[in-house]
Amino acid sequence: MINRDRVLEVWQGRDHPWLPWVKPAVFDRIEEREEGTVDEFTPARSVRKAIAQVDTSWLLPRAAVIIDVPGGEAALLALALGKRGLRPVPAINTTSCPGAELISQTLLRLVLVAGAECEDSFPSGPTLGPAFLLDSRRDGHEGAPSPGMFDNRWVVFRTDLPSEKQLRDNGIERVIVVQEDDILSTDLEDILLDYQAGGLELIRHETRTRSSHPWTLAKRGWLAKAARFVQLRWAVLRRLDGSYGRWVPIPPKPSHG
């Protein structure tokens, strides 16, 4: 059996250039029994079977991949890309609370745990391209949580992924964004605009249609960028360690003196 620390150790890795962008918060709620074994897991054999069915034929050389699909599906794709020589990089910057989740992470946790036993999905070395694992549900989709709910929404900022220069310095020439459809989240758009301005080729791959095509984003003025930054900065509050995930306070009952 495999415990929480081992799961994080495998996904985090050591000998690869993308370690600074691994977010450990998502591993915080992987439950452990007293004897140190993980309480929730999917057998690695089932995960290996699922990985073998994932299409990665669209992968191009010298590419970084940003996986922006629902969490469990994103983790499987990251593991499949690991077999193609990319380094899976969990960049989900939120924790959760089992039984009280706004965005369910049950399937994601199961794949993270079982995937840690698929050693051939975690290549190491200084010349690896990255496969950044996001979760397209991160804005909650259903709106703001109610008082008493655990709010595990989160936002991706420019500093949560490498800069254009950092990608280029590691031999990356293009960025492939994997999505279910053609809807681009606001937070990710700002990052991609910086990549585009820096000369990186953008490619979008849509999983529903299994189609890939070059991508050019419309430029935005500095005022629009500033307004967007303020909007994202205050949309969801961070914890003291920079990650997301918190209980929404319940207002005190009015007193009657």
Protein backbone atom coordinates (compact mmCIF):
# COMPACT_ATOMS: atom_id res chain seq x y z
CA MET A 1 0.00 0.00 0.00
CA ILE A 2 1.06 3.63 -0.51
CA ASN A 3 0.69 6.53 1.90
CA ARG A 4 0.04 10.22 1.39
CA ASP A 5 3.67 11.30 1.68
CA ARG A 6 4.70 8.73 -0.92
CA VAL A 7 1.94 9.90 -3.30
CA LEU A 8 3.19 13.49 -3.04
CA GLU A 9 6.81 12.41 -3.40
CA VAL A 10 6.10 10.56 -6.66
CA TRP A 11 4.06 13.35 -8.24
CA GLN A 12 6.47 16.02 -7.07
CA GLY A 13 9.62 14.28 -8.22
CA ARG A 14 13.13 15.71 -7.91
CA ASP A 15 15.21 15.59 -11.07
CA HIS A 16 13.20 17.77 -13.46
CA PRO A 17 13.02 21.53 -14.19
CA TRP A 18 9.33 21.97 -13.34
CA LEU A 19 9.50 21.23 -9.62
CA PRO A 20 8.94 24.89 -8.56
CA TRP A 21 5.45 24.80 -10.08
CA VAL A 22 4.20 21.67 -8.29
CA LYS A 23 1.37 22.61 -5.88
CA PRO A 24 1.21 20.28 -2.85
CA ALA A 25 -2.12 21.59 -1.51
CA VAL A 26 -4.28 19.12 -3.46
CA PHE A 27 -2.56 16.22 -1.67
CA ASP A 28 -3.39 17.51 1.82
CA ARG A 29 -6.70 15.68 2.09
CA ILE A 30 -5.62 12.26 0.91
CA GLU A 31 -6.88 10.30 3.89
CA GLU A 32 -4.67 7.83 5.78
CA ARG A 33 -5.59 5.01 8.11
CA GLU A 34 -3.77 4.66 11.42
CA GLU A 35 -1.39 2.11 9.94
CA GLY A 36 -0.38 4.68 7.32
CA THR A 37 -2.11 3.33 4.24
CA VAL A 38 -4.33 5.42 2.01
CA ASP A 39 -8.03 5.09 2.78
CA GLU A 40 -9.21 5.91 -0.74
CA PHE A 41 -7.50 4.42 -3.78
CA THR A 42 -8.12 3.01 -7.21
CA PRO A 43 -6.07 -0.07 -8.07
CA ALA A 44 -3.13 0.88 -10.25
CA ARG A 45 -4.12 -1.83 -12.71
CA SER A 46 -7.41 -0.05 -13.43
CA VAL A 47 -5.63 3.27 -13.87
CA ARG A 48 -3.08 1.72 -16.24
CA LYS A 49 -5.96 0.36 -18.32
CA ALA A 50 -7.60 3.80 -18.41
CA ILE A 51 -4.31 5.48 -19.34
CA ALA A 52 -3.88 3.13 -22.30
CA GLN A 53 -7.19 4.38 -23.72
CA VAL A 54 -6.24 8.07 -23.56
CA ASP A 55 -5.47 9.67 -26.92
CA THR A 56 -2.12 11.50 -27.00
CA SER A 57 -1.53 11.30 -30.76
CA TRP A 58 -1.86 15.09 -30.98
CA LEU A 59 1.32 15.71 -28.95
CA LEU A 60 4.01 17.67 -30.78
CA PRO A 61 7.75 17.94 -30.04
CA ARG A 62 9.19 20.77 -27.92
CA ALA A 63 5.76 21.39 -26.39
CA ALA A 64 4.48 22.27 -22.95
CA VAL A 65 0.95 21.05 -22.30
CA ILE A 66 -1.64 22.76 -20.11
CA ILE A 67 -4.43 20.33 -19.25
CA ASP A 68 -7.59 22.32 -18.49
CA VAL A 69 -10.28 19.64 -18.19
CA PRO A 70 -12.10 18.24 -15.11
CA GLY A 71 -9.70 17.01 -12.41
CA GLY A 72 -9.91 13.22 -12.68
CA GLU A 73 -9.76 13.30 -16.47
CA ALA A 74 -6.87 15.78 -16.31
CA ALA A 75 -4.88 13.50 -14.01
CA LEU A 76 -5.34 10.53 -16.35
CA LEU A 77 -4.20 12.60 -19.32
CA ALA A 78 -1.15 13.82 -17.40
CA LEU A 79 -0.22 10.20 -16.63
CA ALA A 80 -0.68 9.25 -20.30
CA LEU A 81 1.55 12.13 -21.38
CA GLY A 82 4.10 10.94 -18.84
CA LYS A 83 4.42 7.77 -20.87
CA ARG A 84 5.16 9.98 -23.88
CA GLY A 85 8.07 11.63 -22.06
CA LEU A 86 6.45 14.70 -20.50
CA ARG A 87 6.62 15.36 -16.77
CA PRO A 88 3.21 15.51 -15.06
CA VAL A 89 3.09 18.68 -12.94
CA PRO A 90 0.11 18.96 -10.54
CA ALA A 91 -0.64 22.70 -10.51
CA ILE A 92 -4.01 22.54 -8.71
CA ASN A 93 -3.60 25.10 -5.94
CA THR A 94 -6.41 24.17 -3.57
CA THR A 95 -7.16 21.70 -0.84
CA SER A 96 -10.56 20.22 -0.12
CA CYS A 97 -12.67 18.81 2.66
CA PRO A 98 -14.18 15.34 2.09
CA GLY A 99 -17.94 15.43 2.43
CA ALA A 100 -18.07 19.22 2.26
CA GLU A 101 -16.70 20.05 -1.19
CA LEU A 102 -17.97 22.76 -3.50
CA ILE A 103 -15.92 21.15 -6.31
CA SER A 104 -15.73 17.40 -5.78
CA GLN A 105 -12.17 16.11 -5.81
CA THR A 106 -13.00 12.47 -5.04
CA LEU A 107 -12.15 11.11 -8.49
CA LEU A 108 -9.08 13.33 -8.72
CA ARG A 109 -7.74 12.03 -5.40
CA LEU A 110 -8.36 8.44 -6.44
CA VAL A 111 -6.40 8.89 -9.67
CA LEU A 112 -3.57 10.74 -7.91
CA VAL A 113 -3.15 7.90 -5.42
CA ALA A 114 -3.37 5.06 -7.91
CA GLY A 115 -1.33 6.95 -10.49
CA ALA A 116 1.58 7.17 -8.06
CA GLU A 117 2.05 3.44 -8.58
CA CYS A 118 2.48 3.92 -12.34
CA GLU A 119 6.19 4.64 -12.19
CA ASP A 120 6.65 4.77 -15.97
CA SER A 121 4.40 7.85 -16.07
CA PHE A 122 6.93 9.96 -14.17
CA PRO A 123 10.08 10.46 -16.27
CA SER A 124 12.96 12.50 -14.89
CA GLY A 125 15.73 14.53 -16.45
CA PRO A 126 16.73 18.13 -17.26
CA THR A 127 15.23 18.23 -20.76
CA LEU A 128 11.66 17.12 -20.12
CA GLY A 129 8.67 19.07 -21.35
CA PRO A 130 5.90 19.68 -18.76
CA ALA A 131 2.25 18.63 -18.64
CA PHE A 132 0.60 21.04 -16.20
CA LEU A 133 -2.43 19.52 -14.51
CA LEU A 134 -5.27 22.02 -13.87
CA ASP A 135 -8.99 21.55 -13.25
CA SER A 136 -11.45 23.33 -15.54
CA ARG A 137 -14.05 23.38 -12.74
CA ARG A 138 -11.90 25.65 -10.54
CA ASP A 139 -14.28 28.64 -10.67
CA GLY A 140 -17.09 26.56 -9.19
CA HIS A 141 -19.42 27.10 -12.19
CA GLU A 142 -22.39 27.15 -9.82
CA GLY A 143 -21.57 30.56 -8.35
CA ALA A 144 -20.37 31.62 -4.93
CA PRO A 145 -20.76 29.13 -2.05
CA SER A 146 -23.20 29.67 0.77
CA PRO A 147 -22.17 30.38 4.39
CA GLY A 148 -21.07 27.16 6.07
CA MET A 149 -19.80 25.57 2.83
CA PHE A 150 -16.18 24.68 2.15
CA ASP A 151 -15.06 26.92 -0.71
CA ASN A 152 -12.34 25.14 -2.71
CA ARG A 153 -12.51 27.33 -5.81
CA TRP A 154 -9.20 28.66 -7.03
CA VAL A 155 -7.53 30.88 -9.62
CA VAL A 156 -4.45 30.50 -11.83
CA PHE A 157 -2.11 33.51 -11.94
CA ARG A 158 0.92 34.15 -14.14
CA THR A 159 3.27 33.11 -11.34
CA ASP A 160 1.51 29.73 -11.02
CA LEU A 161 2.99 28.63 -14.36
CA PRO A 162 6.42 29.28 -15.90
CA SER A 163 7.04 32.47 -17.84
CA GLU A 164 7.63 32.50 -21.58
CA LYS A 165 11.37 32.90 -20.94
CA GLN A 166 11.49 29.98 -18.52
CA LEU A 167 9.77 27.77 -21.07
CA ARG A 168 12.08 28.86 -23.86
CA ASP A 169 15.16 28.35 -21.68
CA ASN A 170 14.07 24.72 -21.34
CA GLY A 171 13.67 24.16 -25.08
CA ILE A 172 9.90 24.76 -25.30
CA GLU A 173 8.66 26.29 -28.58
CA ARG A 174 4.90 25.78 -28.32
CA VAL A 175 2.14 25.46 -25.72
CA ILE A 176 -0.73 23.03 -26.27
CA VAL A 177 -3.87 23.77 -24.25
CA VAL A 178 -6.18 20.80 -23.78
CA GLN A 179 -9.84 21.66 -23.21
CA GLU A 180 -13.20 19.96 -23.57
CA ASP A 181 -14.48 22.70 -25.89
CA ASP A 182 -13.58 26.18 -27.14
CA ILE A 183 -14.44 28.09 -23.95
CA LEU A 184 -11.33 29.67 -22.44
CA SER A 185 -11.26 30.63 -18.76
CA THR A 186 -10.39 34.23 -17.92
CA ASP A 187 -7.44 33.45 -15.69
CA LEU A 188 -5.74 31.17 -18.21
CA GLU A 189 -6.28 33.64 -21.06
CA ASP A 190 -3.96 36.19 -19.42
CA ILE A 191 -1.17 33.63 -19.16
CA LEU A 192 -1.58 32.52 -22.78
CA LEU A 193 -1.53 36.10 -24.02
CA ASP A 194 1.89 36.52 -22.40
CA TYR A 195 3.11 33.31 -24.05
CA GLN A 196 1.80 34.51 -27.41
CA ALA A 197 3.44 37.92 -27.02
CA GLY A 198 6.72 36.17 -26.25
CA GLY A 199 6.63 34.24 -29.51
CA LEU A 200 5.48 30.84 -28.31
CA GLU A 201 3.12 29.03 -30.67
CA LEU A 202 -0.30 28.34 -29.16
CA ILE A 203 -2.29 25.23 -30.09
CA ARG A 204 -5.69 24.21 -28.76
CA HIS A 205 -6.71 20.56 -28.57
CA GLU A 206 -10.39 19.86 -27.89
CA THR A 207 -11.10 16.47 -26.33
CA ARG A 208 -14.75 16.32 -27.37
CA THR A 209 -13.99 16.69 -31.08
CA ARG A 210 -10.45 15.26 -30.87
CA SER A 211 -9.27 18.14 -33.00
CA SER A 212 -6.17 20.35 -32.75
CA HIS A 213 -5.51 23.67 -34.43
CA PRO A 214 -3.24 26.72 -34.14
CA TRP A 215 -4.59 29.43 -31.90
CA THR A 216 -4.26 33.21 -31.95
CA LEU A 217 -5.76 35.21 -29.09
CA ALA A 218 -6.99 38.78 -29.43
CA LYS A 219 -4.68 41.23 -27.65
CA ARG A 220 -5.99 43.27 -24.72
CA GLY A 221 -5.04 46.75 -23.55
CA TRP A 222 -3.32 47.46 -20.26
CA LEU A 223 -6.52 48.81 -18.69
CA ALA A 224 -8.42 45.61 -19.49
CA LYS A 225 -5.51 43.59 -18.09
CA ALA A 226 -5.46 45.61 -14.88
CA ALA A 227 -9.21 45.29 -14.40
CA ARG A 228 -9.01 41.56 -15.01
CA PHE A 229 -6.19 41.17 -12.48
CA VAL A 230 -8.19 42.97 -9.78
CA GLN A 231 -11.24 40.85 -10.59
CA LEU A 232 -9.29 37.60 -10.31
CA ARG A 233 -7.35 38.71 -7.24
CA TRP A 234 -10.50 39.24 -5.18
CA ALA A 235 -12.75 36.60 -6.73
CA VAL A 236 -11.50 33.92 -4.31
CA LEU A 237 -9.49 34.53 -1.15
CA ARG A 238 -6.19 32.72 -0.55
CA ARG A 239 -5.04 31.13 2.67
CA LEU A 240 -1.90 32.36 4.43
CA ASP A 241 0.30 29.84 2.57
CA GLY A 242 -0.92 31.10 -0.82
CA SER A 243 -3.22 28.17 -1.57
CA TYR A 244 -7.01 28.10 -1.64
CA GLY A 245 -9.70 26.27 0.31
CA ARG A 246 -11.58 27.63 3.31
CA TRP A 247 -14.86 27.44 5.17
CA VAL A 248 -17.24 30.27 4.35
CA PRO A 249 -18.06 32.01 7.65
CA ILE A 250 -21.57 31.82 9.00
CA PRO A 251 -22.82 35.28 9.97
CA PRO A 252 -23.54 35.65 13.68
CA LYS A 253 -27.15 35.66 14.73
CA PRO A 254 -28.50 39.12 15.46
CA SER A 255 -28.72 39.94 19.12
CA HIS A 256 -31.82 41.36 20.67
CA GLY A 257 -30.92 43.54 23.63
